Amino acid sequence: MKKINKVQLKQLVEAALFVADAPMTKLALRESVLAEFTVSERALNEVLKELVLDYQPRGIQLVEVASGYRFQSLDSLSPWLSRMWQENAPRYSRAMLETLALIAYRQPITRGEIEAVRGVAVSSNIIRTLTERDWIKVVGHKEVPGKPSLYATTRQFLDYFSLKSLADLPGSEVFEGLEDNEQPPATATLEAPSDDDRAIETAEQKREENE
């Protein structure tokens, strides 16, 4: 195994994370760019901590999410950076955000349990959209008549909201201040779901019945 000094190690880790097309864990770094070098766990941790601190005052930051470390732009700059892309960002109803929040905070949870809390049926479109976004998945079936599916959030959900684990979920506020059809930013916080704004979901259910 080759030796590598701290300066070179820091440069290599920084470059690897910069060019990676997905977050990288420490294990992934070891098995790829660091595979031929002798690097202690302590040295790798120190380099990652230094890089996090180096980028804190900049427009680009190094953050640790559920899938590993990645570079991302400062959230406060998103209103201006979004102008670089002409396509419209996906928009989500409050009903969908409330459903997602319930799954995040009470997982594993069944569709019926979500409906019991919200007081309205959960549209199949909502479950399908959240599944297609890879934010939720079926993790099992509840041992009750009918064996309904149990839903939970995914690692991709944590990555999107810049969370390392479910323990990082805030204790209150679910997409506070968001109006219907407003897209949550990548670093949006989650709060407990409210009972407001059922009109959109009711309309979705009627459309499904007519299909």
Protein backbone atom coordinates (compact mmCIF):
# COMPACT_ATOMS: atom_id res chain seq x y z
CA MET A 1 0.00 0.00 0.00
CA LYS A 2 1.24 3.48 -0.85
CA LYS A 3 1.53 6.33 1.59
CA ILE A 4 -0.14 9.69 1.05
CA ASN A 5 0.44 12.88 3.00
CA LYS A 6 -2.38 14.94 4.47
CA VAL A 7 -2.28 17.66 1.80
CA GLN A 8 -2.54 15.11 -1.00
CA LEU A 9 -5.24 13.20 0.86
CA LYS A 10 -7.31 16.33 1.28
CA GLN A 11 -6.90 17.25 -2.38
CA LEU A 12 -7.86 13.76 -3.55
CA VAL A 13 -10.93 13.51 -1.31
CA GLU A 14 -12.06 17.00 -2.31
CA ALA A 15 -11.66 16.23 -6.02
CA ALA A 16 -13.43 12.88 -5.72
CA LEU A 17 -16.44 14.38 -3.97
CA PHE A 18 -16.50 17.25 -6.46
CA VAL A 19 -16.68 15.05 -9.56
CA ALA A 20 -18.90 12.32 -8.06
CA ASP A 21 -22.42 12.20 -9.48
CA ALA A 22 -23.86 11.01 -6.15
CA PRO A 23 -23.00 11.30 -2.45
CA MET A 24 -20.01 9.20 -1.37
CA THR A 25 -19.52 7.45 1.94
CA LYS A 26 -16.14 7.04 3.60
CA LEU A 27 -16.25 3.38 2.61
CA ALA A 28 -16.89 4.33 -1.03
CA LEU A 29 -13.90 6.69 -0.93
CA ARG A 30 -11.72 3.94 0.50
CA GLU A 31 -12.81 1.43 -2.12
CA SER A 32 -12.26 3.79 -5.04
CA VAL A 33 -9.82 6.71 -5.06
CA LEU A 34 -8.11 5.67 -1.81
CA ALA A 35 -7.91 1.96 -2.59
CA GLU A 36 -4.14 1.93 -3.13
CA PHE A 37 -3.25 4.18 -0.19
CA THR A 38 -2.80 3.58 3.51
CA VAL A 39 -5.26 5.97 5.18
CA SER A 40 -6.35 5.70 8.79
CA GLU A 41 -9.94 6.30 9.85
CA ARG A 42 -8.77 9.24 11.94
CA ALA A 43 -6.93 10.88 9.03
CA LEU A 44 -9.93 10.53 6.73
CA ASN A 45 -12.29 11.95 9.36
CA GLU A 46 -9.98 14.93 9.96
CA VAL A 47 -9.77 15.71 6.25
CA LEU A 48 -13.54 15.56 5.83
CA LYS A 49 -14.07 17.82 8.85
CA GLU A 50 -11.56 20.33 7.50
CA LEU A 51 -13.25 20.37 4.11
CA VAL A 52 -16.65 20.95 5.72
CA LEU A 53 -15.21 23.94 7.60
CA ASP A 54 -13.34 25.24 4.55
CA TYR A 55 -16.55 25.48 2.53
CA GLN A 56 -18.87 26.83 5.23
CA PRO A 57 -18.45 30.52 4.27
CA ARG A 58 -18.69 29.82 0.54
CA GLY A 59 -21.53 29.51 -1.93
CA ILE A 60 -20.79 25.79 -2.24
CA GLN A 61 -20.81 23.63 0.89
CA LEU A 62 -19.78 20.09 1.73
CA VAL A 63 -22.56 18.36 3.64
CA GLU A 64 -23.15 14.85 4.93
CA VAL A 65 -26.49 13.32 4.00
CA ALA A 66 -27.86 9.81 4.40
CA SER A 67 -25.98 8.46 1.37
CA GLY A 68 -22.66 10.09 2.23
CA TYR A 69 -20.85 13.38 1.58
CA ARG A 70 -21.67 15.72 -1.31
CA PHE A 71 -21.13 19.26 -2.47
CA GLN A 72 -24.24 21.42 -2.83
CA SER A 73 -25.00 25.09 -3.31
CA LEU A 74 -26.00 27.29 -0.41
CA ASP A 75 -29.78 27.08 -0.07
CA SER A 76 -30.16 30.86 0.26
CA LEU A 77 -28.80 31.23 -3.28
CA SER A 78 -31.43 28.98 -4.89
CA PRO A 79 -33.74 31.83 -6.07
CA TRP A 80 -30.96 33.08 -8.35
CA LEU A 81 -29.39 29.76 -9.26
CA SER A 82 -32.76 28.39 -10.36
CA ARG A 83 -32.68 30.84 -13.27
CA MET A 84 -29.99 28.70 -14.87
CA TRP A 85 -32.59 26.05 -15.67
CA GLN A 86 -35.59 26.94 -17.80
CA GLU A 87 -37.72 23.89 -17.05
CA ASN A 88 -40.35 24.30 -14.35
CA ALA A 89 -39.66 22.58 -11.05
CA PRO A 90 -42.18 19.97 -9.85
CA ARG A 91 -44.96 21.36 -7.71
CA TYR A 92 -46.71 19.53 -4.91
CA SER A 93 -50.06 20.04 -3.22
CA ARG A 94 -50.31 20.60 0.50
CA ALA A 95 -52.21 17.30 0.71
CA MET A 96 -49.15 15.52 -0.70
CA LEU A 97 -46.78 17.31 1.68
CA GLU A 98 -48.96 16.43 4.65
CA THR A 99 -49.02 12.79 3.59
CA LEU A 100 -45.25 12.77 3.24
CA ALA A 101 -44.84 14.39 6.66
CA LEU A 102 -47.05 11.76 8.30
CA ILE A 103 -45.03 8.97 6.73
CA ALA A 104 -41.78 10.63 7.78
CA TYR A 105 -42.81 11.12 11.41
CA ARG A 106 -44.92 8.01 12.04
CA GLN A 107 -43.29 5.37 9.88
CA PRO A 108 -43.97 2.61 9.28
CA ILE A 109 -47.57 3.63 8.67
CA THR A 110 -50.45 2.32 6.58
CA ARG A 111 -52.56 4.28 4.17
CA GLY A 112 -55.55 3.79 6.47
CA GLU A 113 -53.65 5.23 9.42
CA ILE A 114 -52.72 8.27 7.35
CA GLU A 115 -56.38 8.73 6.41
CA ALA A 116 -57.43 8.40 10.04
CA VAL A 117 -55.15 11.29 11.04
CA ARG A 118 -55.93 13.54 8.07
CA GLY A 119 -59.67 12.80 8.08
CA VAL A 120 -59.78 12.31 4.31
CA ALA A 121 -58.93 9.52 1.88
CA VAL A 122 -55.40 9.51 0.51
CA SER A 123 -55.38 9.83 -3.26
CA SER A 124 -53.65 7.03 -5.17
CA ASN A 125 -51.95 9.78 -7.18
CA ILE A 126 -50.22 11.00 -4.03
CA ILE A 127 -48.85 7.58 -3.11
CA ARG A 128 -47.80 6.96 -6.72
CA THR A 129 -46.03 10.32 -7.02
CA LEU A 130 -44.15 9.89 -3.73
CA THR A 131 -43.15 6.37 -4.78
CA GLU A 132 -42.02 7.52 -8.24
CA ARG A 133 -39.97 10.27 -6.59
CA ASP A 134 -38.36 7.45 -4.58
CA TRP A 135 -39.23 9.26 -1.36
CA ILE A 136 -41.32 6.43 0.11
CA LYS A 137 -41.42 2.65 -0.23
CA VAL A 138 -43.34 -0.35 1.09
CA VAL A 139 -41.37 -1.91 3.94
CA GLY A 140 -43.83 -4.63 4.91
CA HIS A 141 -47.48 -5.41 5.64
CA LYS A 142 -49.39 -4.91 8.87
CA GLU A 143 -50.69 -8.10 10.48
CA VAL A 144 -54.35 -7.12 10.38
CA PRO A 145 -57.19 -8.19 8.05
CA GLY A 146 -56.26 -7.27 4.49
CA LYS A 147 -52.58 -6.92 5.44
CA PRO A 148 -52.25 -3.29 4.27
CA SER A 149 -48.87 -2.04 3.09
CA LEU A 150 -46.63 -0.25 5.55
CA TYR A 151 -44.93 2.85 4.14
CA ALA A 152 -41.64 4.41 5.19
CA THR A 153 -39.29 7.03 3.79
CA THR A 154 -36.18 6.19 1.77
CA ARG A 155 -32.54 7.19 1.79
CA GLN A 156 -33.31 9.37 -1.24
CA PHE A 157 -35.87 11.27 0.87
CA LEU A 158 -33.18 12.01 3.46
CA ASP A 159 -30.74 13.08 0.75
CA TYR A 160 -33.28 15.44 -0.85
CA PHE A 161 -33.91 17.23 2.44
CA SER A 162 -30.20 17.18 3.37
CA LEU A 163 -30.71 14.92 6.38
CA LYS A 164 -28.24 12.35 7.68
CA SER A 165 -30.91 10.27 9.41
CA LEU A 166 -34.50 10.41 10.66
CA ALA A 167 -33.12 11.64 13.97
CA ASP A 168 -32.37 14.93 12.20
CA LEU A 169 -36.05 15.59 11.46
CA PRO A 170 -37.18 18.77 13.24
CA GLY A 171 -39.63 18.44 16.09
CA SER A 172 -42.20 20.76 14.57
CA GLU A 173 -43.14 22.71 11.44
CA VAL A 174 -44.10 20.72 8.33
CA PHE A 175 -43.17 22.76 5.30
CA GLU A 176 -44.12 25.89 7.25
CA GLY A 177 -45.29 28.76 5.10
CA LEU A 178 -45.78 26.65 2.00
CA GLU A 179 -48.96 27.31 0.05
CA ASP A 180 -50.65 24.80 -2.25
CA ASN A 181 -48.60 23.87 -5.29
CA GLU A 182 -45.44 25.41 -3.88
CA GLN A 183 -42.34 23.28 -4.24
CA PRO A 184 -40.35 22.58 -1.06
CA PRO A 185 -36.66 23.51 -1.36
CA ALA A 186 -34.06 20.79 -1.04
CA THR A 187 -33.38 21.86 2.54
CA ALA A 188 -37.01 22.38 3.55
CA THR A 189 -37.95 21.43 7.10
CA LEU A 190 -40.83 19.16 7.98
CA GLU A 191 -43.52 19.88 10.50
CA ALA A 192 -46.56 18.07 11.87
CA PRO A 193 -49.35 17.98 9.26
CA SER A 194 -52.26 20.40 9.48
CA ASP A 195 -55.94 19.86 8.71
CA ASP A 196 -56.10 22.70 6.18
CA ASP A 197 -56.68 22.67 2.46
CA ARG A 198 -58.46 19.44 1.53
CA ALA A 199 -59.99 20.79 -1.69
CA ILE A 200 -57.17 19.70 -3.97
CA GLU A 201 -57.13 16.15 -2.65
CA THR A 202 -60.91 15.90 -2.94
CA ALA A 203 -60.65 16.99 -6.57
CA GLU A 204 -57.98 14.34 -7.18
CA GLN A 205 -60.24 11.67 -5.72
CA LYS A 206 -63.13 12.73 -7.95
CA ARG A 207 -60.88 12.56 -10.99
CA GLU A 208 -59.85 9.03 -10.04
CA GLU A 209 -63.49 7.98 -9.64
CA ASN A 210 -64.30 9.33 -13.10
CA GLU A 211 -61.39 7.53 -14.76
